[in-house]
Amino acid sequence: MVDDTDGPGSLRGLSAWGRRGSARLYLRPLGLGDDVFAPASDLLAGGPLHFDRAELILRHGDDCVRAAAMLADIAAWSRSNGFAEQYDERLAAICAHRDVPGRDPATHDPAPSVMGIINVTPDSFSDGGDFLEAGRAIEHGLALLEQGADILDVGGESTRPGAEPVGPAAEMARVLPVVEGLAAAGATVSIDTRHAAVMRAALAAGAVIINDVTALTGDPDSLAVAVESRAPVILMHMKGEPRTMQAAPDYVDVALDVYDYLAERIEICVAAGVDRSRITVDPGIGFGKSVAHNADILRNTALFHGLGCPILIGVSRKSFIGVLSRGEPAKERLGGSLAAGLVALSQGAQMLRMHDIAETRQAVEVWRAVTAHRLENDAIDR
């Protein structure tokens, strides 16, 4: 890591990087707030949050420099140092409106989308075996809808650390009855799988979203399914695979490394025929990452807006919460799950993937009311 030798947080001292033609520019929005406080600033992902400053990051190989400044100052510096095109592209991507899965695009509703988790597995880290029987899984999904879930994410293969893989046939036997039952009830269903055959069968059964922890790399036919189906896709970052991903994961800079991986996957998918507007990104909290890595990604959630896609964050009941707290087991990590989710929402994340939907919906609605100043004085219960 190369420090800004002309003072922390200053744009001075970065000019030498203008001579590094291959240096890549990143922007992490800062100073996020609502239009009451920043009416003249840029909209983050089309709103409702605004920002008027950012962290400028330049990266060349394993070296990078950082400086925080007002957007106008970063723009001027970029024009003077050969980074104007990258700056303009990154800012445009950060500000562009994007349609969020689970939300009707016609309403332009800026509310975050909440995805409910349905693990039809015997071995998931939090609720393995709770909903392995199809009837119980459907009943649970309908309850999550009543509690406020916008999307129901159905998975038949555990991807917890150390989990053994499940073949497509066994996975389909678990998930297809559940997908069909929930879709018939009017639910928006996503299929959580890394197998192309499962994707194809689940879409035929009524699923409308593909959620792949391998970002469509786990099966050579997955990308073709995404192109042919025209379904929205969620591309997640995972270092390694579930059996080995937590064996000493290592990064140069975890947020930037994950960003670069997702940027590459987006470009590959777009080149293959997946419309960028159908892509959501997930930095993969807990997938091949240490506790420090997870915290760093959450701290830098706003960085991922530069990819120009909705951001999904999945933190629910994950082990880092217990490590940072008092070692609570999975089903006793609700408070930490909500806290981590609100950190992401405060940086503009558009989707949360959670187990505890009623509590999450309550937290989201209170967060929205307070941060967006949606309540008039006479609407507040005195």
Protein backbone atom coordinates (compact mmCIF):
# COMPACT_ATOMS: atom_id res chain seq x y z
CA MET A 1 0.00 0.00 0.00
CA VAL A 2 1.33 3.44 -0.95
CA ASP A 3 0.36 6.25 1.37
CA ASP A 4 -0.48 9.78 0.29
CA THR A 5 2.81 11.32 1.37
CA ASP A 6 1.50 14.86 1.13
CA GLY A 7 -0.93 14.48 3.97
CA PRO A 8 -3.83 12.17 4.74
CA GLY A 9 -7.04 12.98 2.91
CA SER A 10 -5.41 15.43 0.50
CA LEU A 11 -5.47 15.37 -3.30
CA ARG A 12 -1.97 16.81 -3.33
CA GLY A 13 0.66 14.24 -3.94
CA LEU A 14 -1.51 12.15 -6.25
CA SER A 15 -0.50 13.99 -9.40
CA ALA A 16 2.44 11.67 -10.06
CA TRP A 17 -0.10 8.94 -10.60
CA GLY A 18 -1.29 10.77 -13.69
CA ARG A 19 1.82 9.39 -15.36
CA ARG A 20 0.70 5.83 -14.63
CA GLY A 21 -1.48 5.34 -17.66
CA SER A 22 -2.83 2.03 -16.45
CA ALA A 23 -3.87 3.26 -13.00
CA ARG A 24 -7.52 2.55 -12.29
CA LEU A 25 -9.79 5.10 -10.64
CA TYR A 26 -12.43 4.27 -8.05
CA LEU A 27 -14.87 6.53 -6.20
CA ARG A 28 -16.42 5.79 -2.82
CA PRO A 29 -19.28 8.22 -2.11
CA LEU A 30 -19.04 9.98 1.25
CA GLY A 31 -21.23 12.42 3.13
CA LEU A 32 -24.38 10.49 2.29
CA GLY A 33 -27.62 12.18 3.34
CA ASP A 34 -31.10 13.10 2.16
CA ASP A 35 -32.21 16.02 0.04
CA VAL A 36 -33.03 18.16 3.09
CA PHE A 37 -29.34 18.48 3.86
CA ALA A 38 -27.75 18.23 0.42
CA PRO A 39 -30.20 19.54 -2.19
CA ALA A 40 -27.49 20.52 -4.68
CA SER A 41 -25.43 17.33 -4.53
CA ASP A 42 -25.45 14.21 -6.68
CA LEU A 43 -28.06 11.50 -6.27
CA LEU A 44 -26.74 8.09 -5.28
CA ALA A 45 -28.15 5.44 -7.65
CA GLY A 46 -31.05 7.71 -8.53
CA GLY A 47 -31.94 8.53 -4.92
CA PRO A 48 -33.05 9.10 -2.28
CA LEU A 49 -29.57 9.55 -0.75
CA HIS A 50 -27.31 12.34 -1.95
CA PHE A 51 -23.56 12.85 -1.69
CA ASP A 52 -21.26 15.80 -2.34
CA ARG A 53 -17.85 14.29 -1.63
CA ALA A 54 -16.04 11.04 -2.19
CA GLU A 55 -12.90 9.07 -1.55
CA LEU A 56 -10.77 9.02 -4.68
CA ILE A 57 -8.78 5.80 -5.01
CA LEU A 58 -6.14 5.16 -7.64
CA ARG A 59 -4.77 1.65 -8.05
CA HIS A 60 -1.83 0.37 -10.04
CA GLY A 61 -1.05 -3.28 -9.47
CA ASP A 62 -0.83 -3.87 -5.73
CA ASP A 63 -0.27 -0.18 -4.95
CA CYS A 64 -2.98 2.40 -4.35
CA VAL A 65 -3.40 5.93 -3.07
CA ARG A 66 -6.47 7.49 -1.51
CA ALA A 67 -7.75 10.99 -0.87
CA ALA A 68 -11.10 12.32 0.34
CA ALA A 69 -12.40 15.55 -1.17
CA MET A 70 -15.43 17.37 -2.51
CA LEU A 71 -16.66 16.07 -5.87
CA ALA A 72 -15.92 19.38 -7.56
CA ASP A 73 -12.31 19.21 -6.41
CA ILE A 74 -11.95 15.57 -7.50
CA ALA A 75 -13.40 16.46 -10.91
CA ALA A 76 -10.95 19.31 -11.34
CA TRP A 77 -8.02 17.13 -10.26
CA SER A 78 -9.11 14.39 -12.67
CA ARG A 79 -9.27 16.80 -15.60
CA SER A 80 -5.80 18.10 -14.80
CA ASN A 81 -4.18 14.71 -14.33
CA GLY A 82 -5.47 12.53 -17.14
CA PHE A 83 -8.30 10.78 -15.32
CA ALA A 84 -11.28 12.77 -16.62
CA GLU A 85 -12.76 9.91 -18.65
CA GLN A 86 -12.52 7.39 -15.80
CA TYR A 87 -13.93 9.91 -13.33
CA ASP A 88 -16.90 10.75 -15.57
CA GLU A 89 -17.66 7.07 -16.19
CA ARG A 90 -17.46 6.16 -12.53
CA LEU A 91 -19.60 9.09 -11.37
CA ALA A 92 -22.22 8.37 -14.04
CA ALA A 93 -22.43 4.74 -12.91
CA ILE A 94 -22.74 5.75 -9.26
CA CYS A 95 -25.56 8.20 -9.97
CA ALA A 96 -27.52 6.20 -12.56
CA HIS A 97 -30.99 5.01 -11.61
CA ARG A 98 -31.29 1.25 -11.43
CA ASP A 99 -34.28 -1.06 -11.22
CA VAL A 100 -34.17 -3.17 -8.08
CA PRO A 101 -35.44 -6.77 -8.08
CA GLY A 102 -38.54 -7.06 -5.95
CA ARG A 103 -39.64 -3.50 -6.72
CA ASP A 104 -42.06 -2.44 -9.45
CA PRO A 105 -40.01 -0.16 -11.76
CA ALA A 106 -43.13 1.84 -12.61
CA THR A 107 -43.50 3.06 -9.03
CA HIS A 108 -39.92 4.38 -8.72
CA ASP A 109 -40.12 3.31 -5.07
CA PRO A 110 -36.68 3.87 -3.48
CA ALA A 111 -37.39 1.50 -0.59
CA PRO A 112 -34.82 -1.27 -0.11
CA SER A 113 -35.90 -4.71 -1.23
CA VAL A 114 -35.92 -7.46 1.42
CA MET A 115 -35.14 -11.02 0.34
CA GLY A 116 -36.30 -13.83 2.59
CA ILE A 117 -34.15 -16.96 2.90
CA ILE A 118 -35.64 -20.44 2.46
CA ASN A 119 -33.03 -23.17 2.88
CA VAL A 120 -34.45 -26.50 1.72
CA THR A 121 -31.39 -28.28 3.08
CA PRO A 122 -30.40 -30.55 5.95
CA ASP A 123 -27.12 -28.77 6.67
CA SER A 124 -27.32 -24.98 6.28
CA PHE A 125 -25.42 -23.18 9.04
CA SER A 126 -28.46 -21.47 10.59
CA ASP A 127 -31.62 -23.41 9.81
CA GLY A 128 -30.47 -26.66 8.21
CA GLY A 129 -33.27 -29.22 8.35
CA ASP A 130 -35.91 -26.75 9.56
CA PHE A 131 -37.57 -26.58 6.14
CA LEU A 132 -36.30 -29.64 4.30
CA GLU A 133 -39.84 -30.93 3.79
CA ALA A 134 -41.51 -29.09 0.90
CA GLY A 135 -44.77 -28.37 2.69
CA ARG A 136 -43.00 -26.78 5.64
CA ALA A 137 -40.79 -24.75 3.31
CA ILE A 138 -43.81 -23.42 1.41
CA GLU A 139 -45.59 -22.60 4.65
CA HIS A 140 -42.50 -20.76 5.87
CA GLY A 141 -42.22 -18.84 2.61
CA LEU A 142 -45.84 -17.70 2.79
CA ALA A 143 -45.22 -16.54 6.35
CA LEU A 144 -42.21 -14.54 5.18
CA LEU A 145 -44.39 -12.89 2.54
CA GLU A 146 -46.88 -11.88 5.22
CA GLN A 147 -44.03 -10.45 7.27
CA GLY A 148 -42.91 -8.21 4.41
CA ALA A 149 -40.49 -10.13 2.18
CA ASP A 150 -40.31 -8.81 -1.38
CA ILE A 151 -38.45 -11.86 -2.74
CA LEU A 152 -38.19 -15.45 -1.53
CA ASP A 153 -34.77 -16.99 -2.19
CA VAL A 154 -35.01 -20.79 -2.39
CA GLY A 155 -31.85 -22.88 -2.14
CA GLY A 156 -31.29 -26.63 -2.02
CA GLU A 157 -27.52 -26.78 -1.48
CA SER A 158 -25.78 -25.46 1.61
CA THR A 159 -22.89 -23.12 0.89
CA ARG A 160 -21.79 -22.78 4.52
CA PRO A 161 -18.03 -23.10 5.12
CA GLY A 162 -17.01 -26.73 4.76
CA ALA A 163 -20.25 -27.85 3.11
CA GLU A 164 -20.12 -30.79 0.73
CA PRO A 165 -21.51 -30.20 -2.77
CA VAL A 166 -24.93 -31.52 -3.80
CA GLY A 167 -25.65 -32.86 -7.28
CA PRO A 168 -28.21 -31.13 -9.50
CA ALA A 169 -30.69 -34.01 -9.33
CA ALA A 170 -30.83 -34.00 -5.53
CA GLU A 171 -30.98 -30.22 -5.49
CA MET A 172 -33.89 -30.15 -7.94
CA ALA A 173 -35.80 -32.73 -5.91
CA ARG A 174 -35.55 -30.40 -2.93
CA VAL A 175 -36.32 -27.04 -4.49
CA LEU A 176 -38.69 -27.54 -7.41
CA PRO A 177 -41.83 -28.34 -5.38
CA VAL A 178 -41.11 -25.33 -3.18
CA VAL A 179 -40.48 -22.97 -6.08
CA GLU A 180 -43.64 -24.15 -7.83
CA GLY A 181 -45.77 -23.82 -4.71
CA LEU A 182 -44.53 -20.33 -3.81
CA ALA A 183 -44.74 -19.05 -7.38
CA ALA A 184 -48.32 -20.35 -7.65
CA ALA A 185 -49.11 -18.32 -4.52
CA GLY A 186 -47.89 -15.17 -6.25
CA ALA A 187 -44.44 -14.88 -4.68
CA THR A 188 -41.45 -13.40 -6.49
CA VAL A 189 -39.05 -16.33 -6.27
CA SER A 190 -35.30 -16.42 -6.80
CA ILE A 191 -33.40 -19.68 -7.15
CA ASP A 192 -30.18 -19.85 -5.17
CA THR A 193 -28.03 -22.30 -7.14
CA ARG A 194 -24.74 -22.68 -8.96
CA HIS A 195 -26.00 -25.43 -11.29
CA ALA A 196 -27.33 -24.57 -14.75
CA ALA A 197 -29.78 -27.48 -14.81
CA VAL A 198 -31.31 -26.33 -11.52
CA MET A 199 -31.55 -22.76 -12.80
CA ARG A 200 -33.35 -23.87 -15.94
CA ALA A 201 -35.77 -26.17 -14.11
CA ALA A 202 -36.51 -23.63 -11.37
CA LEU A 203 -37.25 -20.90 -13.92
CA ALA A 204 -39.64 -23.27 -15.66
CA ALA A 205 -41.29 -23.94 -12.28
CA GLY A 206 -41.93 -20.24 -11.66
CA ALA A 207 -38.73 -18.68 -10.33
CA VAL A 208 -37.91 -15.33 -11.94
CA ILE A 209 -34.45 -14.49 -10.55
CA ILE A 210 -31.14 -16.40 -10.63
CA ASN A 211 -28.96 -15.99 -7.52
CA ASP A 212 -25.55 -17.61 -8.04
CA VAL A 213 -22.82 -17.61 -5.40
CA THR A 214 -20.25 -18.31 -8.15
CA ALA A 215 -21.30 -15.33 -10.32
CA LEU A 216 -22.20 -17.77 -13.15
CA THR A 217 -18.78 -19.45 -13.13
CA GLY A 218 -19.67 -22.65 -11.28
CA ASP A 219 -21.23 -24.39 -14.28
CA PRO A 220 -20.14 -23.87 -17.92
CA ASP A 221 -23.80 -23.65 -19.00
CA SER A 222 -24.96 -21.11 -16.41
CA LEU A 223 -24.20 -18.03 -18.46
CA ALA A 224 -26.16 -19.43 -21.41
CA VAL A 225 -29.17 -20.01 -19.13
CA ALA A 226 -28.99 -16.41 -17.94
CA VAL A 227 -28.78 -15.10 -21.51
CA GLU A 228 -31.57 -17.29 -22.87
CA SER A 229 -33.97 -16.80 -19.96
CA ARG A 230 -33.51 -13.04 -19.72
CA ALA A 231 -34.02 -13.44 -15.98
CA PRO A 232 -32.43 -10.97 -13.56
CA VAL A 233 -29.21 -12.39 -12.13
CA ILE A 234 -27.36 -11.83 -8.87
CA LEU A 235 -23.60 -12.17 -9.20
CA MET A 236 -21.83 -12.90 -5.92
CA HIS A 237 -18.15 -12.92 -5.08
CA MET A 238 -16.77 -16.04 -3.43
CA LYS A 239 -13.08 -16.80 -2.99
CA GLY A 240 -12.62 -20.51 -3.63
CA GLU A 241 -15.53 -22.86 -2.98
CA PRO A 242 -17.52 -23.70 0.16
CA ARG A 243 -15.38 -26.63 1.31
CA THR A 244 -12.19 -24.55 1.36
CA MET A 245 -13.16 -20.88 1.18
CA GLN A 246 -12.43 -20.09 4.84
CA ALA A 247 -8.94 -21.64 4.78
CA ALA A 248 -6.88 -18.46 5.34
CA PRO A 249 -8.47 -16.20 2.69
CA ASP A 250 -6.06 -13.49 1.56
CA TYR A 251 -6.45 -10.23 -0.40
CA VAL A 252 -4.30 -7.27 -1.33
CA ASP A 253 -7.22 -4.92 -0.64
CA VAL A 254 -10.43 -6.86 -0.06
CA ALA A 255 -12.93 -4.19 -1.14
CA LEU A 256 -11.02 -3.32 -4.31
CA ASP A 257 -10.26 -6.97 -5.11
CA VAL A 258 -13.94 -7.90 -4.80
CA TYR A 259 -14.92 -4.83 -6.82
CA ASP A 260 -12.53 -5.79 -9.63
CA TYR A 261 -13.81 -9.36 -9.69
CA LEU A 262 -17.43 -8.24 -9.93
CA ALA A 263 -16.57 -5.65 -12.59
CA GLU A 264 -14.97 -8.38 -14.69
CA ARG A 265 -17.94 -10.71 -14.24
CA ILE A 266 -20.36 -7.94 -15.22
CA GLU A 267 -18.44 -7.23 -18.41
CA ILE A 268 -18.29 -10.92 -19.32
CA CYS A 269 -22.03 -11.30 -18.76
CA VAL A 270 -22.85 -8.15 -20.72
CA ALA A 271 -20.63 -9.26 -23.61
CA ALA A 272 -22.46 -12.60 -23.65
CA GLY A 273 -25.85 -10.90 -23.92
CA VAL A 274 -27.03 -10.27 -20.36
CA ASP A 275 -28.38 -6.73 -20.17
CA ARG A 276 -26.61 -4.74 -17.47
CA SER A 277 -29.99 -3.60 -16.15
CA ARG A 278 -30.70 -7.23 -15.17
CA ILE A 279 -27.57 -7.60 -13.02
CA THR A 280 -27.34 -7.20 -9.23
CA VAL A 281 -24.03 -7.57 -7.39
CA ASP A 282 -23.33 -9.15 -4.01
CA PRO A 283 -19.84 -8.76 -2.46
CA GLY A 284 -20.29 -12.08 -0.66
CA ILE A 285 -20.01 -11.36 3.06
CA GLY A 286 -18.66 -14.51 4.72
CA PHE A 287 -17.69 -16.28 1.51
CA GLY A 288 -13.93 -16.66 1.59
CA LYS A 289 -13.42 -13.72 3.92
CA SER A 290 -12.16 -13.21 7.46
CA VAL A 291 -13.98 -11.16 10.08
CA ALA A 292 -11.75 -8.19 9.21
CA HIS A 293 -12.49 -8.66 5.50
CA ASN A 294 -16.24 -8.69 6.16
CA ALA A 295 -16.03 -5.53 8.24
CA ASP A 296 -13.97 -3.79 5.56
CA ILE A 297 -16.47 -4.65 2.83
CA LEU A 298 -19.38 -3.39 4.92
CA ARG A 299 -17.45 -0.22 5.70
CA ASN A 300 -16.91 0.27 1.95
CA THR A 301 -20.37 -0.72 0.68
CA ALA A 302 -20.78 2.60 -1.13
CA LEU A 303 -17.74 1.79 -3.31
CA PHE A 304 -19.74 -0.87 -5.17
CA HIS A 305 -22.16 1.70 -6.61
CA GLY A 306 -19.40 2.37 -9.14
CA LEU A 307 -20.39 -0.92 -10.80
CA GLY A 308 -23.69 0.66 -11.85
CA CYS A 309 -25.83 -2.22 -10.54
CA PRO A 310 -28.06 -2.73 -7.49
CA ILE A 311 -26.16 -3.96 -4.43
CA LEU A 312 -27.38 -6.94 -2.40
CA ILE A 313 -25.91 -7.49 1.05
CA GLY A 314 -26.29 -10.80 2.87
CA VAL A 315 -25.26 -10.64 6.53
CA SER A 316 -28.03 -12.55 8.24
CA ARG A 317 -26.87 -14.64 11.23
CA LYS A 318 -23.34 -14.99 9.85
CA SER A 319 -20.49 -16.08 12.07
CA PHE A 320 -18.61 -12.77 12.06
CA ILE A 321 -21.48 -11.30 14.07
CA GLY A 322 -20.88 -13.75 16.89
CA VAL A 323 -17.12 -13.17 16.74
CA LEU A 324 -17.61 -9.41 17.03
CA SER A 325 -20.11 -9.85 19.86
CA ARG A 326 -20.23 -12.58 22.53
CA GLY A 327 -20.02 -15.75 20.49
CA GLU A 328 -23.78 -16.15 20.10
CA PRO A 329 -25.04 -19.11 18.04
CA ALA A 330 -26.60 -18.44 14.65
CA LYS A 331 -30.22 -18.03 15.75
CA GLU A 332 -29.21 -15.48 18.41
CA ARG A 333 -27.57 -13.02 16.01
CA LEU A 334 -30.62 -10.95 15.08
CA GLY A 335 -29.34 -7.70 16.61
CA GLY A 336 -26.00 -7.95 14.81
CA SER A 337 -27.71 -8.90 11.55
CA LEU A 338 -29.89 -5.79 11.69
CA ALA A 339 -26.98 -3.57 12.68
CA ALA A 340 -24.86 -4.79 9.77
CA GLY A 341 -27.78 -4.48 7.38
CA LEU A 342 -28.43 -0.88 8.40
CA VAL A 343 -24.75 -0.05 7.88
CA ALA A 344 -25.20 -1.19 4.28
CA LEU A 345 -28.51 0.61 3.79
CA SER A 346 -26.97 3.84 5.08
CA GLN A 347 -24.53 3.56 2.18
CA GLY A 348 -27.28 3.05 -0.38
CA ALA A 349 -27.45 -0.76 -0.66
CA GLN A 350 -30.72 -1.63 -2.37
CA MET A 351 -31.30 -5.19 -1.13
CA LEU A 352 -30.92 -7.15 2.10
CA ARG A 353 -31.00 -10.96 2.21
CA MET A 354 -32.26 -11.99 5.65
CA HIS A 355 -33.78 -14.80 7.70
CA ASP A 356 -35.82 -12.70 10.15
CA ILE A 357 -38.17 -10.77 7.90
CA ALA A 358 -40.62 -9.20 10.33
CA GLU A 359 -37.80 -7.67 12.37
CA THR A 360 -35.90 -6.62 9.25
CA ARG A 361 -38.96 -4.95 7.72
CA GLN A 362 -39.58 -3.04 10.94
CA ALA A 363 -35.96 -1.89 11.08
CA VAL A 364 -35.99 -0.85 7.42
CA GLU A 365 -39.20 1.16 7.74
CA VAL A 366 -37.98 3.03 10.82
CA TRP A 367 -34.62 3.66 9.13
CA ARG A 368 -36.40 5.02 6.04
CA ALA A 369 -38.67 7.27 8.07
CA VAL A 370 -35.81 8.79 10.01
CA THR A 371 -33.21 9.13 7.25
CA ALA A 372 -35.57 10.26 4.50
CA HIS A 373 -37.62 12.60 6.71
CA ARG A 374 -40.81 11.09 5.34
CA LEU A 375 -42.85 11.86 8.46
CA GLU A 376 -44.55 15.22 8.87
CA ASN A 377 -44.65 16.61 12.38
CA ASP A 378 -48.37 15.94 12.75
CA ALA A 379 -47.84 12.32 11.67
CA ILE A 380 -45.58 11.54 14.60
CA ASP A 381 -47.27 9.93 17.57
CA ARG A 382 -46.71 12.29 20.46
